[in-house]
Amino acid sequence: REFLTTHIMQCLYNILSNREVYIRVIAEMDLQFGTKIDSPYEVISKLSYLEACILETLRLHPPQPSIRHSAILKNRFLHLGKHVIRNKRPTPFPEFIVSINNIHRSELYWENPADFTPDRFLRVDTRRLKPCTFFPFSFGSRACLGRDYSLAVTKIFIVKLLRMFDVTLAEQPPGGVSYSDYISLRISSALKCNLQRTRINLSRFGKVNR
């Protein structure tokens, strides 16, 4: 639950702090829902731009910045691509740390990696990305079983919030949301927002370029 709360707060911050992104998220919901406040998940699941925002948030702020794995060695050597590492420890299963955060922000795999650019996930299917360049829920047999649940809950929460309220960020500390980096990424400051109850209006932001 802590991972999920952190992710939802960061995703909201990314959307609300980018006016163009916020307008596009609202426009997509208006297009799919019309004047309805709520819709079944079959409709919510079609919100491709909101999903791109969620994935881009996971790229920039993975809930677990790094993961630990154990290697199975043969002849005391570990092969990592072109690199060969000799195991000097007596255990045949040495542990190593994989920095998800560094890989997600690497210029080797991402264009302008420090920018919040949801469109990058509209241009490519995540299943076609180079292996192990985007893995906010880890990978392999130890990948998080709650992946689909987390994505669904995040999408439903944001849809319900933004359909019922016009939301703006209140005054935030310099640098936006701050974190405490333990085993997982934790929000250490409150995300303050202004909420104003809204009546669904398809033209509340005027004409939107899609």
C-alpha atoms as a PDB file:
ATOM      1  CA  ARG A   1       0.000   0.000   0.000  1.00  0.00           C
ATOM      2  CA  GLU A   2       2.874   2.373   0.735  1.00  0.00           C
ATOM      3  CA  PHE A   3       4.291   1.869  -2.756  1.00  0.00           C
ATOM      4  CA  LEU A   4       0.875   2.609  -4.227  1.00  0.00           C
ATOM      5  CA  THR A   5       0.322   5.784  -2.187  1.00  0.00           C
ATOM      6  CA  THR A   6       3.733   7.127  -3.151  1.00  0.00           C
ATOM      7  CA  HIS A   7       3.118   6.420  -6.813  1.00  0.00           C
ATOM      8  CA  ILE A   8      -0.352   8.007  -6.884  1.00  0.00           C
ATOM      9  CA  MET A   9       0.931  11.186  -5.205  1.00  0.00           C
ATOM     10  CA  GLN A  10       3.854  11.493  -7.590  1.00  0.00           C
ATOM     11  CA  CYS A  11       1.669  10.832 -10.626  1.00  0.00           C
ATOM     12  CA  LEU A  12      -0.791  13.530  -9.529  1.00  0.00           C
ATOM     13  CA  TYR A  13       2.064  15.958  -8.969  1.00  0.00           C
ATOM     14  CA  ASN A  14       3.461  15.302 -12.450  1.00  0.00           C
ATOM     15  CA  ILE A  15       0.065  15.816 -14.079  1.00  0.00           C
ATOM     16  CA  LEU A  16      -0.918  18.909 -12.086  1.00  0.00           C
ATOM     17  CA  SER A  17       2.449  20.633 -12.448  1.00  0.00           C
ATOM     18  CA  ASN A  18       2.307  20.352 -16.258  1.00  0.00           C
ATOM     19  CA  ARG A  19      -0.692  22.334 -17.468  1.00  0.00           C
ATOM     20  CA  GLU A  20      -0.663  20.915 -21.001  1.00  0.00           C
ATOM     21  CA  VAL A  21      -0.536  17.368 -19.631  1.00  0.00           C
ATOM     22  CA  TYR A  22      -3.418  18.118 -17.256  1.00  0.00           C
ATOM     23  CA  ILE A  23      -5.561  19.518 -20.071  1.00  0.00           C
ATOM     24  CA  ARG A  24      -4.911  16.465 -22.244  1.00  0.00           C
ATOM     25  CA  VAL A  25      -5.797  14.088 -19.399  1.00  0.00           C
ATOM     26  CA  ILE A  26      -9.089  15.924 -18.809  1.00  0.00           C
ATOM     27  CA  ALA A  27      -9.867  16.079 -22.540  1.00  0.00           C
ATOM     28  CA  GLU A  28      -9.314  12.328 -22.913  1.00  0.00           C
ATOM     29  CA  MET A  29     -11.670  11.605 -20.022  1.00  0.00           C
ATOM     30  CA  ASP A  30     -14.315  13.967 -21.404  1.00  0.00           C
ATOM     31  CA  LEU A  31     -14.054  12.238 -24.774  1.00  0.00           C
ATOM     32  CA  GLN A  32     -14.510   8.769 -23.277  1.00  0.00           C
ATOM     33  CA  PHE A  33     -17.053   9.533 -20.543  1.00  0.00           C
ATOM     34  CA  GLY A  34     -19.103  12.394 -21.982  1.00  0.00           C
ATOM     35  CA  THR A  35     -21.125  13.934 -19.153  1.00  0.00           C
ATOM     36  CA  LYS A  36     -20.938  10.886 -16.897  1.00  0.00           C
ATOM     37  CA  ILE A  37     -19.023  11.201 -13.647  1.00  0.00           C
ATOM     38  CA  ASP A  38     -18.185   7.522 -13.537  1.00  0.00           C
ATOM     39  CA  SER A  39     -17.751   4.678 -16.023  1.00  0.00           C
ATOM     40  CA  PRO A  40     -16.958   0.968 -15.854  1.00  0.00           C
ATOM     41  CA  TYR A  41     -13.323  -0.084 -15.871  1.00  0.00           C
ATOM     42  CA  GLU A  42     -13.689  -1.290 -19.460  1.00  0.00           C
ATOM     43  CA  VAL A  43     -13.953   2.393 -20.421  1.00  0.00           C
ATOM     44  CA  ILE A  44     -11.331   3.611 -17.946  1.00  0.00           C
ATOM     45  CA  SER A  45      -8.862   1.096 -19.374  1.00  0.00           C
ATOM     46  CA  LYS A  46      -9.089   2.878 -22.743  1.00  0.00           C
ATOM     47  CA  LEU A  47      -7.506   6.057 -21.352  1.00  0.00           C
ATOM     48  CA  SER A  48      -4.202   5.631 -23.154  1.00  0.00           C
ATOM     49  CA  TYR A  49      -2.775   9.079 -22.389  1.00  0.00           C
ATOM     50  CA  LEU A  50      -3.473   8.748 -18.662  1.00  0.00           C
ATOM     51  CA  GLU A  51      -1.822   5.334 -18.741  1.00  0.00           C
ATOM     52  CA  ALA A  52       1.192   6.915 -20.468  1.00  0.00           C
ATOM     53  CA  CYS A  53       1.369   9.463 -17.622  1.00  0.00           C
ATOM     54  CA  ILE A  54       1.321   6.635 -15.088  1.00  0.00           C
ATOM     55  CA  LEU A  55       4.069   4.704 -16.891  1.00  0.00           C
ATOM     56  CA  GLU A  56       6.218   7.815 -17.293  1.00  0.00           C
ATOM     57  CA  THR A  57       5.869   8.479 -13.564  1.00  0.00           C
ATOM     58  CA  LEU A  58       6.998   4.911 -12.873  1.00  0.00           C
ATOM     59  CA  ARG A  59       9.982   5.461 -15.137  1.00  0.00           C
ATOM     60  CA  LEU A  60      11.087   8.644 -13.354  1.00  0.00           C
ATOM     61  CA  HIS A  61      10.099   7.524  -9.863  1.00  0.00           C
ATOM     62  CA  PRO A  62      10.082   3.731  -9.501  1.00  0.00           C
ATOM     63  CA  PRO A  63       8.614   2.811  -6.085  1.00  0.00           C
ATOM     64  CA  GLN A  64      11.628   0.599  -5.445  1.00  0.00           C
ATOM     65  CA  PRO A  65      14.746   2.430  -6.751  1.00  0.00           C
ATOM     66  CA  SER A  66      16.932  -0.679  -6.675  1.00  0.00           C
ATOM     67  CA  ILE A  67      16.594  -4.424  -6.339  1.00  0.00           C
ATOM     68  CA  ARG A  68      18.864  -7.164  -5.056  1.00  0.00           C
ATOM     69  CA  HIS A  69      19.473 -10.371  -6.943  1.00  0.00           C
ATOM     70  CA  SER A  70      21.547 -13.457  -6.377  1.00  0.00           C
ATOM     71  CA  ALA A  71      23.672 -14.889  -9.166  1.00  0.00           C
ATOM     72  CA  ILE A  72      24.291 -18.562  -9.895  1.00  0.00           C
ATOM     73  CA  LEU A  73      27.938 -19.031 -10.794  1.00  0.00           C
ATOM     74  CA  LYS A  74      29.884 -21.602 -12.714  1.00  0.00           C
ATOM     75  CA  ASN A  75      33.594 -21.907 -11.994  1.00  0.00           C
ATOM     76  CA  ARG A  76      33.416 -18.879  -9.636  1.00  0.00           C
ATOM     77  CA  PHE A  77      32.863 -16.382 -12.491  1.00  0.00           C
ATOM     78  CA  LEU A  78      29.895 -14.105 -13.123  1.00  0.00           C
ATOM     79  CA  HIS A  79      29.271 -13.045 -16.726  1.00  0.00           C
ATOM     80  CA  LEU A  80      27.478  -9.699 -17.175  1.00  0.00           C
ATOM     81  CA  GLY A  81      27.434  -8.871 -20.866  1.00  0.00           C
ATOM     82  CA  LYS A  82      31.041  -8.170 -21.853  1.00  0.00           C
ATOM     83  CA  HIS A  83      32.161  -8.072 -18.235  1.00  0.00           C
ATOM     84  CA  VAL A  84      33.432 -11.067 -16.306  1.00  0.00           C
ATOM     85  CA  ILE A  85      33.609 -10.806 -12.519  1.00  0.00           C
ATOM     86  CA  ARG A  86      35.490 -13.283 -10.353  1.00  0.00           C
ATOM     87  CA  ASN A  87      33.682 -14.262  -7.170  1.00  0.00           C
ATOM     88  CA  LYS A  88      36.130 -13.954  -4.295  1.00  0.00           C
ATOM     89  CA  ARG A  89      33.568 -14.842  -1.662  1.00  0.00           C
ATOM     90  CA  PRO A  90      33.098 -18.461  -0.580  1.00  0.00           C
ATOM     91  CA  THR A  91      29.359 -18.426  -1.405  1.00  0.00           C
ATOM     92  CA  PRO A  92      28.378 -19.712  -4.852  1.00  0.00           C
ATOM     93  CA  PHE A  93      25.443 -17.252  -4.889  1.00  0.00           C
ATOM     94  CA  PRO A  94      26.865 -13.709  -4.698  1.00  0.00           C
ATOM     95  CA  GLU A  95      24.373 -10.862  -4.417  1.00  0.00           C
ATOM     96  CA  PHE A  96      24.389  -7.757  -6.570  1.00  0.00           C
ATOM     97  CA  ILE A  97      22.323  -4.572  -6.700  1.00  0.00           C
ATOM     98  CA  VAL A  98      20.483  -3.417  -9.836  1.00  0.00           C
ATOM     99  CA  SER A  99      19.682   0.308  -9.848  1.00  0.00           C
ATOM    100  CA  ILE A 100      16.284   0.638 -11.527  1.00  0.00           C
ATOM    101  CA  ASN A 101      16.429   4.402 -11.062  1.00  0.00           C
ATOM    102  CA  ASN A 102      19.729   4.788 -12.936  1.00  0.00           C
ATOM    103  CA  ILE A 103      18.625   2.585 -15.822  1.00  0.00           C
ATOM    104  CA  HIS A 104      15.294   4.415 -16.160  1.00  0.00           C
ATOM    105  CA  ARG A 105      17.175   7.726 -16.382  1.00  0.00           C
ATOM    106  CA  SER A 106      19.991   6.596 -18.630  1.00  0.00           C
ATOM    107  CA  GLU A 107      20.624   8.455 -21.905  1.00  0.00           C
ATOM    108  CA  LEU A 108      21.674   5.110 -23.372  1.00  0.00           C
ATOM    109  CA  TYR A 109      18.046   3.979 -23.453  1.00  0.00           C
ATOM    110  CA  TRP A 110      15.882   7.114 -23.175  1.00  0.00           C
ATOM    111  CA  GLU A 111      15.732  10.403 -25.043  1.00  0.00           C
ATOM    112  CA  ASN A 112      15.831  13.380 -22.647  1.00  0.00           C
ATOM    113  CA  PRO A 113      15.506  10.993 -19.687  1.00  0.00           C
ATOM    114  CA  ALA A 114      15.075  13.709 -17.022  1.00  0.00           C
ATOM    115  CA  ASP A 115      11.961  15.148 -18.712  1.00  0.00           C
ATOM    116  CA  PHE A 116       8.406  14.101 -17.895  1.00  0.00           C
ATOM    117  CA  THR A 117       7.243  13.104 -21.391  1.00  0.00           C
ATOM    118  CA  PRO A 118       4.214  10.768 -21.369  1.00  0.00           C
ATOM    119  CA  ASP A 119       4.117  10.728 -25.176  1.00  0.00           C
ATOM    120  CA  ARG A 120       7.153   8.462 -25.246  1.00  0.00           C
ATOM    121  CA  PHE A 121       4.861   5.643 -24.050  1.00  0.00           C
ATOM    122  CA  LEU A 122       2.307   6.392 -26.752  1.00  0.00           C
ATOM    123  CA  ARG A 123       4.950   5.867 -29.414  1.00  0.00           C
ATOM    124  CA  VAL A 124       6.099   2.455 -28.232  1.00  0.00           C
ATOM    125  CA  ASP A 125       4.614  -0.671 -26.708  1.00  0.00           C
ATOM    126  CA  THR A 126       6.361  -1.390 -23.387  1.00  0.00           C
ATOM    127  CA  ARG A 127       6.551  -5.049 -24.404  1.00  0.00           C
ATOM    128  CA  ARG A 128       8.754  -4.035 -27.345  1.00  0.00           C
ATOM    129  CA  LEU A 129      11.253  -2.032 -25.322  1.00  0.00           C
ATOM    130  CA  LYS A 130      14.788  -3.305 -24.988  1.00  0.00           C
ATOM    131  CA  PRO A 131      14.747  -5.913 -22.192  1.00  0.00           C
ATOM    132  CA  CYS A 132      15.433  -4.572 -18.700  1.00  0.00           C
ATOM    133  CA  THR A 133      15.316  -0.896 -19.669  1.00  0.00           C
ATOM    134  CA  PHE A 134      11.886  -0.356 -18.061  1.00  0.00           C
ATOM    135  CA  PHE A 135      11.052  -2.553 -15.081  1.00  0.00           C
ATOM    136  CA  PRO A 136       9.466  -0.555 -12.217  1.00  0.00           C
ATOM    137  CA  PHE A 137       7.988  -3.787 -10.846  1.00  0.00           C
ATOM    138  CA  SER A 138      11.228  -5.754 -11.164  1.00  0.00           C
ATOM    139  CA  PHE A 139      11.459  -8.576 -13.708  1.00  0.00           C
ATOM    140  CA  GLY A 140      11.620 -12.310 -14.166  1.00  0.00           C
ATOM    141  CA  SER A 141      10.206 -14.833 -11.728  1.00  0.00           C
ATOM    142  CA  ARG A 142      10.390 -12.318  -8.859  1.00  0.00           C
ATOM    143  CA  ALA A 143       8.452  -9.562 -10.599  1.00  0.00           C
ATOM    144  CA  CYS A 144       5.766  -7.911  -8.477  1.00  0.00           C
ATOM    145  CA  LEU A 145       2.482  -9.810  -8.647  1.00  0.00           C
ATOM    146  CA  GLY A 146       0.564  -6.609  -7.859  1.00  0.00           C
ATOM    147  CA  ARG A 147       1.560  -4.826 -11.076  1.00  0.00           C
ATOM    148  CA  ASP A 148      -1.843  -4.909 -12.771  1.00  0.00           C
ATOM    149  CA  TYR A 149      -3.633  -4.132  -9.508  1.00  0.00           C
ATOM    150  CA  SER A 150      -1.392  -1.119  -8.880  1.00  0.00           C
ATOM    151  CA  LEU A 151      -1.905   0.302 -12.370  1.00  0.00           C
ATOM    152  CA  ALA A 152      -5.677  -0.203 -12.179  1.00  0.00           C
ATOM    153  CA  VAL A 153      -6.059   1.410  -8.748  1.00  0.00           C
ATOM    154  CA  THR A 154      -3.912   4.385  -9.759  1.00  0.00           C
ATOM    155  CA  LYS A 155      -5.946   4.966 -12.888  1.00  0.00           C
ATOM    156  CA  ILE A 156      -9.310   4.631 -11.098  1.00  0.00           C
ATOM    157  CA  PHE A 157      -8.274   6.975  -8.275  1.00  0.00           C
ATOM    158  CA  ILE A 158      -7.034   9.705 -10.621  1.00  0.00           C
ATOM    159  CA  VAL A 159     -10.117   9.420 -12.840  1.00  0.00           C
ATOM    160  CA  LYS A 160     -12.516   9.740  -9.910  1.00  0.00           C
ATOM    161  CA  LEU A 161     -10.609  12.678  -8.436  1.00  0.00           C
ATOM    162  CA  LEU A 162     -10.271  14.664 -11.652  1.00  0.00           C
ATOM    163  CA  ARG A 163     -13.856  13.988 -12.735  1.00  0.00           C
ATOM    164  CA  MET A 164     -15.290  15.290  -9.472  1.00  0.00           C
ATOM    165  CA  PHE A 165     -12.957  18.227  -8.865  1.00  0.00           C
ATOM    166  CA  ASP A 166     -10.969  20.888 -10.632  1.00  0.00           C
ATOM    167  CA  VAL A 167      -7.599  20.322  -8.992  1.00  0.00           C
ATOM    168  CA  THR A 168      -4.675  22.729  -8.775  1.00  0.00           C
ATOM    169  CA  LEU A 169      -1.464  22.537  -6.818  1.00  0.00           C
ATOM    170  CA  ALA A 170      -1.229  24.687  -3.738  1.00  0.00           C
ATOM    171  CA  GLU A 171       2.078  26.330  -2.936  1.00  0.00           C
ATOM    172  CA  GLN A 172       4.760  23.655  -2.945  1.00  0.00           C
ATOM    173  CA  PRO A 173       8.271  23.650  -1.501  1.00  0.00           C
ATOM    174  CA  PRO A 174      11.090  24.334  -4.007  1.00  0.00           C
ATOM    175  CA  GLY A 175      11.788  21.203  -6.022  1.00  0.00           C
ATOM    176  CA  GLY A 176       8.290  19.800  -5.545  1.00  0.00           C
ATOM    177  CA  VAL A 177       7.674  16.552  -3.703  1.00  0.00           C
ATOM    178  CA  SER A 178      10.563  15.339  -1.559  1.00  0.00           C
ATOM    179  CA  TYR A 179      11.437  11.754  -0.716  1.00  0.00           C
ATOM    180  CA  SER A 180      13.063   9.583   1.878  1.00  0.00           C
ATOM    181  CA  ASP A 181      14.972   6.809   0.151  1.00  0.00           C
ATOM    182  CA  TYR A 182      14.964   3.666   2.265  1.00  0.00           C
ATOM    183  CA  ILE A 183      14.395   0.252   0.721  1.00  0.00           C
ATOM    184  CA  SER A 184      11.493   1.870  -1.092  1.00  0.00           C
ATOM    185  CA  LEU A 185      10.823   5.417  -2.225  1.00  0.00           C
ATOM    186  CA  ARG A 186       8.702   7.229   0.376  1.00  0.00           C
ATOM    187  CA  ILE A 187       7.005  10.625   0.239  1.00  0.00           C
ATOM    188  CA  SER A 188       8.419  12.766   3.065  1.00  0.00           C
ATOM    189  CA  SER A 189       6.376  15.910   2.346  1.00  0.00           C
ATOM    190  CA  ALA A 190       2.659  16.469   1.840  1.00  0.00           C
ATOM    191  CA  LEU A 191       1.214  17.120  -1.605  1.00  0.00           C
ATOM    192  CA  LYS A 192      -1.056  20.126  -1.066  1.00  0.00           C
ATOM    193  CA  CYS A 193      -3.847  20.705  -3.584  1.00  0.00           C
ATOM    194  CA  ASN A 194      -6.821  23.023  -4.020  1.00  0.00           C
ATOM    195  CA  LEU A 195     -10.066  21.217  -4.856  1.00  0.00           C
ATOM    196  CA  GLN A 196     -13.139  22.828  -6.338  1.00  0.00           C
ATOM    197  CA  ARG A 197     -16.210  20.763  -7.013  1.00  0.00           C
ATOM    198  CA  THR A 198     -16.905  20.764 -10.726  1.00  0.00           C
ATOM    199  CA  ARG A 199     -19.937  20.222 -12.891  1.00  0.00           C
ATOM    200  CA  ILE A 200     -18.894  18.183 -15.898  1.00  0.00           C
ATOM    201  CA  ASN A 201     -18.375  20.568 -18.786  1.00  0.00           C
ATOM    202  CA  LEU A 202     -16.870  19.330 -22.033  1.00  0.00           C
ATOM    203  CA  SER A 203     -15.549  22.786 -22.921  1.00  0.00           C
ATOM    204  CA  ARG A 204     -14.185  23.815 -19.524  1.00  0.00           C
ATOM    205  CA  PHE A 205     -10.695  24.228 -20.981  1.00  0.00           C
ATOM    206  CA  GLY A 206     -11.752  25.488 -24.381  1.00  0.00           C
ATOM    207  CA  LYS A 207     -10.398  23.900 -27.552  1.00  0.00           C
ATOM    208  CA  VAL A 208      -7.754  21.265 -26.985  1.00  0.00           C
ATOM    209  CA  ASN A 209      -5.295  20.157 -29.639  1.00  0.00           C
ATOM    210  CA  ARG A 210      -5.010  16.382 -29.708  1.00  0.00           C
END
